[in-house]
Amino acid sequence: MREVDDALEFMNEEYKARVAECERGQLEFERKQVDMKKMVAQFQQFITENDAKQRRAEIKAKVRLSDAWMTPRVSVPYAAAGQVCGWSVTPWA
């Protein structure tokens, strides 16, 4: 009878140790899950900020491009350049 009681007590202790290990594993899993959620939130914020920066840069580039097309250009007549069709020309002569 003593042997059966000892065996049963040993099995009970093993069971308690496995349950405690499972609880520790569960707590570790929950902690890692919280950390992962924080990392995902930070990454999502990074992506949102990057998208906003990209939109601002695209708008800025469009504005610069439209400004470049809207600014008047000074055209140099051929005579002012000194030649028309290969002939040397003086302007307003």
PDB file of N, CA and C in Angstrom:
ATOM      1  N   MET A   1       0.817  -1.192   0.000  1.00  0.00           N
ATOM      2  CA  MET A   1       0.000   0.000   0.000  1.00  0.00           C
ATOM      3  C   MET A   1       0.867   1.265   0.000  1.00  0.00           C
ATOM      4  N   ARG A   2       1.948   1.202   0.730  1.00  0.00           N
ATOM      5  CA  ARG A   2       2.854   2.338   0.806  1.00  0.00           C
ATOM      6  C   ARG A   2       3.440   2.638  -0.568  1.00  0.00           C
ATOM      7  N   GLU A   3       3.759   1.606  -1.326  1.00  0.00           N
ATOM      8  CA  GLU A   3       4.326   1.791  -2.657  1.00  0.00           C
ATOM      9  C   GLU A   3       3.328   2.481  -3.584  1.00  0.00           C
ATOM     10  N   VAL A   4       2.082   2.132  -3.493  1.00  0.00           N
ATOM     11  CA  VAL A   4       1.046   2.745  -4.315  1.00  0.00           C
ATOM     12  C   VAL A   4       0.877   4.210  -3.930  1.00  0.00           C
ATOM     13  N   ASP A   5       0.885   4.485  -2.644  1.00  0.00           N
ATOM     14  CA  ASP A   5       0.769   5.872  -2.186  1.00  0.00           C
ATOM     15  C   ASP A   5       1.960   6.708  -2.664  1.00  0.00           C
ATOM     16  N   ASP A   6       3.169   6.136  -2.587  1.00  0.00           N
ATOM     17  CA  ASP A   6       4.363   6.847  -3.051  1.00  0.00           C
ATOM     18  C   ASP A   6       4.290   7.112  -4.555  1.00  0.00           C
ATOM     19  N   ALA A   7       3.845   6.111  -5.300  1.00  0.00           N
ATOM     20  CA  ALA A   7       3.740   6.272  -6.750  1.00  0.00           C
ATOM     21  C   ALA A   7       2.694   7.340  -7.088  1.00  0.00           C
ATOM     22  N   LEU A   8       1.583   7.304  -6.394  1.00  0.00           N
ATOM     23  CA  LEU A   8       0.525   8.284  -6.624  1.00  0.00           C
ATOM     24  C   LEU A   8       1.005   9.689  -6.248  1.00  0.00           C
ATOM     25  N   GLU A   9       1.736   9.823  -5.165  1.00  0.00           N
ATOM     26  CA  GLU A   9       2.262  11.122  -4.759  1.00  0.00           C
ATOM     27  C   GLU A   9       3.279  11.630  -5.798  1.00  0.00           C
ATOM     28  N   PHE A  10       4.125  10.724  -6.301  1.00  0.00           N
ATOM     29  CA  PHE A  10       5.099  11.103  -7.321  1.00  0.00           C
ATOM     30  C   PHE A  10       4.399  11.586  -8.584  1.00  0.00           C
ATOM     31  N   MET A  11       3.357  10.870  -9.012  1.00  0.00           N
ATOM     32  CA  MET A  11       2.593  11.262 -10.202  1.00  0.00           C
ATOM     33  C   MET A  11       1.902  12.609  -9.979  1.00  0.00           C
ATOM     34  N   ASN A  12       1.409  12.840  -8.786  1.00  0.00           N
ATOM     35  CA  ASN A  12       0.742  14.096  -8.445  1.00  0.00           C
ATOM     36  C   ASN A  12       1.749  15.253  -8.506  1.00  0.00           C
ATOM     37  N   GLU A  13       2.951  15.054  -8.001  1.00  0.00           N
ATOM     38  CA  GLU A  13       3.985  16.081  -8.051  1.00  0.00           C
ATOM     39  C   GLU A  13       4.402  16.366  -9.498  1.00  0.00           C
ATOM     40  N   GLU A  14       4.528  15.320 -10.300  1.00  0.00           N
ATOM     41  CA  GLU A  14       4.861  15.506 -11.717  1.00  0.00           C
ATOM     42  C   GLU A  14       3.775  16.310 -12.424  1.00  0.00           C
ATOM     43  N   TYR A  15       2.533  15.972 -12.126  1.00  0.00           N
ATOM     44  CA  TYR A  15       1.410  16.690 -12.727  1.00  0.00           C
ATOM     45  C   TYR A  15       1.445  18.168 -12.349  1.00  0.00           C
ATOM     46  N   LYS A  16       1.678  18.461 -11.068  1.00  0.00           N
ATOM     47  CA  LYS A  16       1.746  19.843 -10.609  1.00  0.00           C
ATOM     48  C   LYS A  16       2.902  20.579 -11.285  1.00  0.00           C
ATOM     49  N   ALA A  17       4.031  19.891 -11.457  1.00  0.00           N
ATOM     50  CA  ALA A  17       5.184  20.520 -12.113  1.00  0.00           C
ATOM     51  C   ALA A  17       4.847  20.833 -13.569  1.00  0.00           C
ATOM     52  N   ARG A  18       4.170  19.917 -14.268  1.00  0.00           N
ATOM     53  CA  ARG A  18       3.783  20.163 -15.664  1.00  0.00           C
ATOM     54  C   ARG A  18       2.774  21.306 -15.765  1.00  0.00           C
ATOM     55  N   VAL A  19       1.834  21.355 -14.827  1.00  0.00           N
ATOM     56  CA  VAL A  19       0.854  22.442 -14.826  1.00  0.00           C
ATOM     57  C   VAL A  19       1.553  23.777 -14.584  1.00  0.00           C
ATOM     58  N   ALA A  20       2.487  23.811 -13.643  1.00  0.00           N
ATOM     59  CA  ALA A  20       3.227  25.046 -13.359  1.00  0.00           C
ATOM     60  C   ALA A  20       4.033  25.460 -14.593  1.00  0.00           C
ATOM     61  N   GLU A  21       4.653  24.495 -15.278  1.00  0.00           N
ATOM     62  CA  GLU A  21       5.415  24.797 -16.500  1.00  0.00           C
ATOM     63  C   GLU A  21       4.493  25.343 -17.580  1.00  0.00           C
ATOM     64  N   CYS A  22       3.325  24.762 -17.719  1.00  0.00           N
ATOM     65  CA  CYS A  22       2.349  25.265 -18.703  1.00  0.00           C
ATOM     66  C   CYS A  22       1.907  26.687 -18.366  1.00  0.00           C
ATOM     67  N   GLU A  23       1.702  26.964 -17.104  1.00  0.00           N
ATOM     68  CA  GLU A  23       1.311  28.314 -16.690  1.00  0.00           C
ATOM     69  C   GLU A  23       2.428  29.315 -16.998  1.00  0.00           C
ATOM     70  N   ARG A  24       3.685  28.919 -16.712  1.00  0.00           N
ATOM     71  CA  ARG A  24       4.814  29.798 -17.041  1.00  0.00           C
ATOM     72  C   ARG A  24       4.881  30.030 -18.557  1.00  0.00           C
ATOM     73  N   GLY A  25       4.681  28.954 -19.307  1.00  0.00           N
ATOM     74  CA  GLY A  25       4.681  29.089 -20.770  1.00  0.00           C
ATOM     75  C   GLY A  25       3.564  30.002 -21.253  1.00  0.00           C
ATOM     76  N   GLN A  26       2.388  29.868 -20.648  1.00  0.00           N
ATOM     77  CA  GLN A  26       1.254  30.709 -21.017  1.00  0.00           C
ATOM     78  C   GLN A  26       1.541  32.180 -20.714  1.00  0.00           C
ATOM     79  N   LEU A  27       2.117  32.449 -19.558  1.00  0.00           N
ATOM     80  CA  LEU A  27       2.462  33.830 -19.194  1.00  0.00           C
ATOM     81  C   LEU A  27       3.515  34.392 -20.152  1.00  0.00           C
ATOM     82  N   GLU A  28       4.498  33.582 -20.495  1.00  0.00           N
ATOM     83  CA  GLU A  28       5.532  34.019 -21.436  1.00  0.00           C
ATOM     84  C   GLU A  28       4.915  34.304 -22.818  1.00  0.00           C
ATOM     85  N   PHE A  29       4.016  33.425 -23.235  1.00  0.00           N
ATOM     86  CA  PHE A  29       3.329  33.625 -24.514  1.00  0.00           C
ATOM     87  C   PHE A  29       2.529  34.926 -24.502  1.00  0.00           C
ATOM     88  N   GLU A  30       1.802  35.180 -23.428  1.00  0.00           N
ATOM     89  CA  GLU A  30       1.000  36.402 -23.332  1.00  0.00           C
ATOM     90  C   GLU A  30       1.894  37.641 -23.335  1.00  0.00           C
ATOM     91  N   ARG A  31       3.052  37.561 -22.651  1.00  0.00           N
ATOM     92  CA  ARG A  31       3.984  38.683 -22.637  1.00  0.00           C
ATOM     93  C   ARG A  31       4.530  38.940 -24.039  1.00  0.00           C
ATOM     94  N   LYS A  32       4.896  37.876 -24.742  1.00  0.00           N
ATOM     95  CA  LYS A  32       5.404  38.027 -26.109  1.00  0.00           C
ATOM     96  C   LYS A  32       4.319  38.566 -27.036  1.00  0.00           C
ATOM     97  N   GLN A  33       3.088  38.143 -26.798  1.00  0.00           N
ATOM     98  CA  GLN A  33       1.979  38.622 -27.617  1.00  0.00           C
ATOM     99  C   GLN A  33       1.777  40.127 -27.415  1.00  0.00           C
ATOM    100  N   VAL A  34       1.877  40.600 -26.190  1.00  0.00           N
ATOM    101  CA  VAL A  34       1.759  42.038 -25.905  1.00  0.00           C
ATOM    102  C   VAL A  34       2.898  42.795 -26.580  1.00  0.00           C
ATOM    103  N   ASP A  35       4.116  42.255 -26.471  1.00  0.00           N
ATOM    104  CA  ASP A  35       5.262  42.891 -27.131  1.00  0.00           C
ATOM    105  C   ASP A  35       5.062  42.952 -28.641  1.00  0.00           C
ATOM    106  N   MET A  36       4.556  41.878 -29.215  1.00  0.00           N
ATOM    107  CA  MET A  36       4.333  41.836 -30.662  1.00  0.00           C
ATOM    108  C   MET A  36       3.270  42.859 -31.076  1.00  0.00           C
ATOM    109  N   LYS A  37       2.230  42.999 -30.281  1.00  0.00           N
ATOM    110  CA  LYS A  37       1.196  43.990 -30.592  1.00  0.00           C
ATOM    111  C   LYS A  37       1.767  45.406 -30.537  1.00  0.00           C
ATOM    112  N   LYS A  38       2.656  45.661 -29.576  1.00  0.00           N
ATOM    113  CA  LYS A  38       3.305  46.974 -29.504  1.00  0.00           C
ATOM    114  C   LYS A  38       4.156  47.220 -30.743  1.00  0.00           C
ATOM    115  N   MET A  39       4.905  46.203 -31.154  1.00  0.00           N
ATOM    116  CA  MET A  39       5.755  46.341 -32.335  1.00  0.00           C
ATOM    117  C   MET A  39       4.915  46.582 -33.589  1.00  0.00           C
ATOM    118  N   VAL A  40       3.797  45.887 -33.707  1.00  0.00           N
ATOM    119  CA  VAL A  40       2.916  46.072 -34.862  1.00  0.00           C
ATOM    120  C   VAL A  40       2.350  47.484 -34.860  1.00  0.00           C
ATOM    121  N   ALA A  41       1.967  47.975 -33.693  1.00  0.00           N
ATOM    122  CA  ALA A  41       1.432  49.341 -33.597  1.00  0.00           C
ATOM    123  C   ALA A  41       2.501  50.365 -33.986  1.00  0.00           C
ATOM    124  N   GLN A  42       3.738  50.160 -33.525  1.00  0.00           N
ATOM    125  CA  GLN A  42       4.821  51.074 -33.890  1.00  0.00           C
ATOM    126  C   GLN A  42       5.094  51.024 -35.388  1.00  0.00           C
ATOM    127  N   PHE A  43       5.081  49.823 -35.952  1.00  0.00           N
ATOM    128  CA  PHE A  43       5.327  49.685 -37.386  1.00  0.00           C
ATOM    129  C   PHE A  43       4.200  50.336 -38.185  1.00  0.00           C
ATOM    130  N   GLN A  44       2.971  50.174 -37.715  1.00  0.00           N
ATOM    131  CA  GLN A  44       1.838  50.797 -38.395  1.00  0.00           C
ATOM    132  C   GLN A  44       1.965  52.318 -38.352  1.00  0.00           C
ATOM    133  N   GLN A  45       2.396  52.845 -37.228  1.00  0.00           N
ATOM    134  CA  GLN A  45       2.604  54.297 -37.102  1.00  0.00           C
ATOM    135  C   GLN A  45       3.713  54.738 -38.054  1.00  0.00           C
ATOM    136  N   PHE A  46       4.792  53.959 -38.142  1.00  0.00           N
ATOM    137  CA  PHE A  46       5.889  54.264 -39.065  1.00  0.00           C
ATOM    138  C   PHE A  46       5.391  54.303 -40.499  1.00  0.00           C
ATOM    139  N   ILE A  47       4.580  53.325 -40.881  1.00  0.00           N
ATOM    140  CA  ILE A  47       4.055  53.274 -42.248  1.00  0.00           C
ATOM    141  C   ILE A  47       3.141  54.463 -42.516  1.00  0.00           C
ATOM    142  N   THR A  48       2.295  54.797 -41.555  1.00  0.00           N
ATOM    143  CA  THR A  48       1.392  55.934 -41.716  1.00  0.00           C
ATOM    144  C   THR A  48       2.185  57.230 -41.895  1.00  0.00           C
ATOM    145  N   GLU A  49       3.214  57.420 -41.065  1.00  0.00           N
ATOM    146  CA  GLU A  49       4.034  58.627 -41.183  1.00  0.00           C
ATOM    147  C   GLU A  49       4.779  58.647 -42.515  1.00  0.00           C
ATOM    148  N   ASN A  50       5.286  57.506 -42.936  1.00  0.00           N
ATOM    149  CA  ASN A  50       6.001  57.438 -44.211  1.00  0.00           C
ATOM    150  C   ASN A  50       5.068  57.761 -45.378  1.00  0.00           C
ATOM    151  N   ASP A  51       3.850  57.238 -45.335  1.00  0.00           N
ATOM    152  CA  ASP A  51       2.882  57.539 -46.393  1.00  0.00           C
ATOM    153  C   ASP A  51       2.584  59.032 -46.440  1.00  0.00           C
ATOM    154  N   ALA A  52       2.438  59.638 -45.276  1.00  0.00           N
ATOM    155  CA  ALA A  52       2.171  61.084 -45.232  1.00  0.00           C
ATOM    156  C   ALA A  52       3.354  61.865 -45.798  1.00  0.00           C
ATOM    157  N   LYS A  53       4.568  61.465 -45.432  1.00  0.00           N
ATOM    158  CA  LYS A  53       5.759  62.130 -45.974  1.00  0.00           C
ATOM    159  C   LYS A  53       5.819  61.978 -47.491  1.00  0.00           C
ATOM    160  N   GLN A  54       5.500  60.792 -47.973  1.00  0.00           N
ATOM    161  CA  GLN A  54       5.549  60.561 -49.415  1.00  0.00           C
ATOM    162  C   GLN A  54       4.512  61.425 -50.138  1.00  0.00           C
ATOM    163  N   ARG A  55       3.306  61.511 -49.574  1.00  0.00           N
ATOM    164  CA  ARG A  55       2.272  62.356 -50.185  1.00  0.00           C
ATOM    165  C   ARG A  55       2.724  63.818 -50.211  1.00  0.00           C
ATOM    166  N   ARG A  56       3.300  64.292 -49.105  1.00  0.00           N
ATOM    167  CA  ARG A  56       3.782  65.679 -49.074  1.00  0.00           C
ATOM    168  C   ARG A  56       4.892  65.897 -50.105  1.00  0.00           C
ATOM    169  N   ALA A  57       5.787  64.937 -50.235  1.00  0.00           N
ATOM    170  CA  ALA A  57       6.879  65.066 -51.209  1.00  0.00           C
ATOM    171  C   ALA A  57       6.340  65.070 -52.638  1.00  0.00           C
ATOM    172  N   GLU A  58       5.344  64.227 -52.907  1.00  0.00           N
ATOM    173  CA  GLU A  58       4.752  64.197 -54.252  1.00  0.00           C
ATOM    174  C   GLU A  58       4.055  65.515 -54.562  1.00  0.00           C
ATOM    175  N   ILE A  59       3.339  66.061 -53.587  1.00  0.00           N
ATOM    176  CA  ILE A  59       2.665  67.343 -53.796  1.00  0.00           C
ATOM    177  C   ILE A  59       3.698  68.438 -54.027  1.00  0.00           C
ATOM    178  N   LYS A  60       4.763  68.420 -53.238  1.00  0.00           N
ATOM    179  CA  LYS A  60       5.816  69.419 -53.385  1.00  0.00           C
ATOM    180  C   LYS A  60       6.457  69.306 -54.771  1.00  0.00           C
ATOM    181  N   ALA A  61       6.683  68.093 -55.238  1.00  0.00           N
ATOM    182  CA  ALA A  61       7.288  67.900 -56.558  1.00  0.00           C
ATOM    183  C   ALA A  61       6.350  68.388 -57.657  1.00  0.00           C
ATOM    184  N   LYS A  62       5.048  68.129 -57.500  1.00  0.00           N
ATOM    185  CA  LYS A  62       4.083  68.599 -58.496  1.00  0.00           C
ATOM    186  C   LYS A  62       4.049  70.122 -58.529  1.00  0.00           C
ATOM    187  N   VAL A  63       4.090  70.735 -57.352  1.00  0.00           N
ATOM    188  CA  VAL A  63       4.072  72.200 -57.285  1.00  0.00           C
ATOM    189  C   VAL A  63       5.325  72.755 -57.940  1.00  0.00           C
ATOM    190  N   ARG A  64       6.464  72.175 -57.652  1.00  0.00           N
ATOM    191  CA  ARG A  64       7.703  72.636 -58.278  1.00  0.00           C
ATOM    192  C   ARG A  64       7.653  72.471 -59.790  1.00  0.00           C
ATOM    193  N   LEU A  65       7.124  71.353 -60.233  1.00  0.00           N
ATOM    194  CA  LEU A  65       7.033  71.111 -61.672  1.00  0.00           C
ATOM    195  C   LEU A  65       6.080  72.102 -62.324  1.00  0.00           C
ATOM    196  N   SER A  66       4.928  72.346 -61.691  1.00  0.00           N
ATOM    197  CA  SER A  66       3.987  73.303 -62.280  1.00  0.00           C
ATOM    198  C   SER A  66       4.562  74.717 -62.222  1.00  0.00           C
ATOM    199  N   ASP A  67       5.286  75.053 -61.154  1.00  0.00           N
ATOM    200  CA  ASP A  67       5.936  76.369 -61.078  1.00  0.00           C
ATOM    201  C   ASP A  67       6.985  76.506 -62.169  1.00  0.00           C
ATOM    202  N   ALA A  68       7.703  75.443 -62.429  1.00  0.00           N
ATOM    203  CA  ALA A  68       8.734  75.494 -63.465  1.00  0.00           C
ATOM    204  C   ALA A  68       8.105  75.719 -64.835  1.00  0.00           C
ATOM    205  N   TRP A  69       6.949  75.146 -65.064  1.00  0.00           N
ATOM    206  CA  TRP A  69       6.283  75.324 -66.358  1.00  0.00           C
ATOM    207  C   TRP A  69       5.612  76.684 -66.464  1.00  0.00           C
ATOM    208  N   MET A  70       5.259  77.273 -65.325  1.00  0.00           N
ATOM    209  CA  MET A  70       4.552  78.544 -65.345  1.00  0.00           C
ATOM    210  C   MET A  70       5.494  79.748 -65.378  1.00  0.00           C
ATOM    211  N   THR A  71       6.743  79.571 -65.004  1.00  0.00           N
ATOM    212  CA  THR A  71       7.654  80.710 -64.999  1.00  0.00           C
ATOM    213  C   THR A  71       8.002  81.092 -66.430  1.00  0.00           C
ATOM    214  N   PRO A  72       8.006  82.401 -66.719  1.00  0.00           N
ATOM    215  CA  PRO A  72       8.306  82.827 -68.091  1.00  0.00           C
ATOM    216  C   PRO A  72       9.760  82.552 -68.434  1.00  0.00           C
ATOM    217  N   ARG A  73       9.959  82.188 -69.650  1.00  0.00           N
ATOM    218  CA  ARG A  73      11.307  81.898 -70.126  1.00  0.00           C
ATOM    219  C   ARG A  73      11.757  83.047 -71.030  1.00  0.00           C
ATOM    220  N   VAL A  74      12.980  83.417 -70.930  1.00  0.00           N
ATOM    221  CA  VAL A  74      13.538  84.459 -71.775  1.00  0.00           C
ATOM    222  C   VAL A  74      14.134  83.764 -72.984  1.00  0.00           C
ATOM    223  N   SER A  75      13.589  84.095 -74.139  1.00  0.00           N
ATOM    224  CA  SER A  75      14.120  83.471 -75.352  1.00  0.00           C
ATOM    225  C   SER A  75      15.141  84.406 -75.969  1.00  0.00           C
ATOM    226  N   VAL A  76      16.218  83.851 -76.425  1.00  0.00           N
ATOM    227  CA  VAL A  76      17.296  84.632 -77.032  1.00  0.00           C
ATOM    228  C   VAL A  76      17.113  84.555 -78.533  1.00  0.00           C
ATOM    229  N   PRO A  77      16.911  85.693 -79.177  1.00  0.00           N
ATOM    230  CA  PRO A  77      16.758  85.643 -80.633  1.00  0.00           C
ATOM    231  C   PRO A  77      18.072  85.233 -81.281  1.00  0.00           C
ATOM    232  N   TYR A  78      17.940  84.699 -82.485  1.00  0.00           N
ATOM    233  CA  TYR A  78      19.138  84.245 -83.194  1.00  0.00           C
ATOM    234  C   TYR A  78      20.124  85.386 -83.411  1.00  0.00           C
ATOM    235  N   ALA A  79      19.594  86.551 -83.672  1.00  0.00           N
ATOM    236  CA  ALA A  79      20.471  87.695 -83.939  1.00  0.00           C
ATOM    237  C   ALA A  79      21.281  88.032 -82.699  1.00  0.00           C
ATOM    238  N   ALA A  80      20.673  87.926 -81.527  1.00  0.00           N
ATOM    239  CA  ALA A  80      21.391  88.224 -80.298  1.00  0.00           C
ATOM    240  C   ALA A  80      22.454  87.181 -80.039  1.00  0.00           C
ATOM    241  N   ALA A  81      22.216  85.974 -80.523  1.00  0.00           N
ATOM    242  CA  ALA A  81      23.208  84.920 -80.357  1.00  0.00           C
ATOM    243  C   ALA A  81      24.388  85.140 -81.279  1.00  0.00           C
ATOM    244  N   GLY A  82      24.213  85.959 -82.340  1.00  0.00           N
ATOM    245  CA  GLY A  82      25.327  86.262 -83.213  1.00  0.00           C
ATOM    246  C   GLY A  82      25.264  85.589 -84.569  1.00  0.00           C
ATOM    247  N   GLN A  83      24.353  84.662 -84.785  1.00  0.00           N
ATOM    248  CA  GLN A  83      24.285  83.985 -86.079  1.00  0.00           C
ATOM    249  C   GLN A  83      22.850  83.650 -86.435  1.00  0.00           C
ATOM    250  N   VAL A  84      22.558  83.754 -87.702  1.00  0.00           N
ATOM    251  CA  VAL A  84      21.289  83.280 -88.228  1.00  0.00           C
ATOM    252  C   VAL A  84      21.643  82.440 -89.445  1.00  0.00           C
ATOM    253  N   CYS A  85      21.290  81.218 -89.422  1.00  0.00           N
ATOM    254  CA  CYS A  85      21.540  80.283 -90.523  1.00  0.00           C
ATOM    255  C   CYS A  85      23.025  80.245 -90.890  1.00  0.00           C
ATOM    256  N   GLY A  86      23.872  80.348 -89.885  1.00  0.00           N
ATOM    257  CA  GLY A  86      25.292  80.233 -90.131  1.00  0.00           C
ATOM    258  C   GLY A  86      25.964  81.542 -90.510  1.00  0.00           C
ATOM    259  N   TRP A  87      25.206  82.615 -90.772  1.00  0.00           N
ATOM    260  CA  TRP A  87      25.798  83.900 -91.128  1.00  0.00           C
ATOM    261  C   TRP A  87      26.015  84.732 -89.884  1.00  0.00           C
ATOM    262  N   SER A  88      27.022  85.466 -89.865  1.00  0.00           N
ATOM    263  CA  SER A  88      27.286  86.350 -88.746  1.00  0.00           C
ATOM    264  C   SER A  88      26.391  87.558 -88.885  1.00  0.00           C
ATOM    265  N   VAL A  89      25.664  87.886 -87.848  1.00  0.00           N
ATOM    266  CA  VAL A  89      24.688  88.964 -87.894  1.00  0.00           C
ATOM    267  C   VAL A  89      24.880  89.835 -86.662  1.00  0.00           C
ATOM    268  N   THR A  90      24.804  91.106 -86.838  1.00  0.00           N
ATOM    269  CA  THR A  90      24.797  92.015 -85.703  1.00  0.00           C
ATOM    270  C   THR A  90      23.361  92.437 -85.472  1.00  0.00           C
ATOM    271  N   PRO A  91      22.905  92.412 -84.243  1.00  0.00           N
ATOM    272  CA  PRO A  91      21.515  92.768 -83.980  1.00  0.00           C
ATOM    273  C   PRO A  91      21.258  94.246 -84.238  1.00  0.00           C
ATOM    274  N   TRP A  92      20.089  94.525 -84.734  1.00  0.00           N
ATOM    275  CA  TRP A  92      19.598  95.881 -85.010  1.00  0.00           C
ATOM    276  C   TRP A  92      20.545  96.692 -85.891  1.00  0.00           C
ATOM    277  N   ALA A  93      21.073  96.046 -86.868  1.00  0.00           N
ATOM    278  CA  ALA A  93      21.980  96.726 -87.772  1.00  0.00           C
ATOM    279  C   ALA A  93      21.262  97.233 -88.995  1.00  0.00           C
TER     280      ALA A  93
END
